[in-house]
Structures are given as C-alpha cells and as structure tokens.
Amino acid sequence: MPINPWSRIYPKDMIQTGISAIDVMNSIARGQKIPIFSAAGLPHNEIAAQICRQGGLVKHPGKSVVDSGEDNFAIVFAAMGVNMETARFFKQDFEENGSMENVCLFLNLANDPTIERIITPRLALTTAEFLAYQCEKHVLVILRAGRVEGRHGSITQIPILTM
C-alpha cells in the first residue's frame, strides 16, 4: 500500500555521508530523496562506494540508542545495467572496507535480462521497507522516500544518474 504523503514526518534528523560537500552544502535528511547527477568519466561509482563506507546516522545528545545506534542503520545498494568491472568494484570495495555487513547489495549486470533491470529497484525498495518497518532500522537506499508517523524506521534514497 502506498505511503500517504500527509502521514510523513517533517524531515529533521540527518544522515551523514562522510563527504563534507554533501553533508554541509546539501545535507540529507532521513526520509528524503536526493539525486546525484553525473556524467561519463566522473567518479560517481567511487562516490557511491564512499557513501556506503562512511554513511551513518547523525548522533544527537539526548536521543535514545534505539534511534541513533550504528546497529540500527542499514544500506540497500542497487546498481542496474552495470558492466562486470563496475559490479566487481562495488563488491570488492564493500568487502575490503567492512561495509558489507551493513549493506544489502543488488547488482544487475548489463547482459542480464531486461526484466531483471526493471525489477531490481523494486526488490531494493521492498528490502528497504522490510528493514525500516519490520526491523525498525534507518535505511539509506542508494538508487520513494519518506518517514511515516508512528513508524520507527526511515528510508532515505540517493539515486545516481549518469548522463
């Protein structure tokens, strides 16, 4: 069932990416959707991997551990239509830096069937909704966003568009 926009909480809690230009100039609030626009030859894959490595909840003094604990944060990463080299880069980077234990990874290769490319974002968002609303985690989706009143989790989405 779709989320009614009127039931969303005003976004005020932040997610830090570890990239100062994003955290200071274009802060990401929980439940928000922020695109990253890129072009061929620019390091968008490296930026996405860096956000997965360094991403986390901004801790506020006085907030409960349930709301701001590191074990209460997850990342759902989905890449559609990438070549084998890019898929290998993401998998290897997440494994080497220890971020794989917080990342749910969906990789759709360029030579995979088209229907898989269509369904990959849906699977990623379904996983994010499960983690947010059943497991009460705060989820960062790198690829519909919102915080629902009465629910403890949140879904934050960063689509990366290469032109």
Foldseek 3Di string as FASTA:
>chain_A
DDDDPVQFDDFDWFKDQPDVCCCPVPTFTFQEEAEAEAAPPDPPLVSVLSSLLPIATDDDPPDDCLQGPRVQEAEEEEDAAAAPVSVCVSVVSCVVSVSVVRYHYHYHHNPHDPVCRVCRVVVSVVVVCCSCAVVVGAYEYEQNTGHGPPTNYGYYYYRYHYD
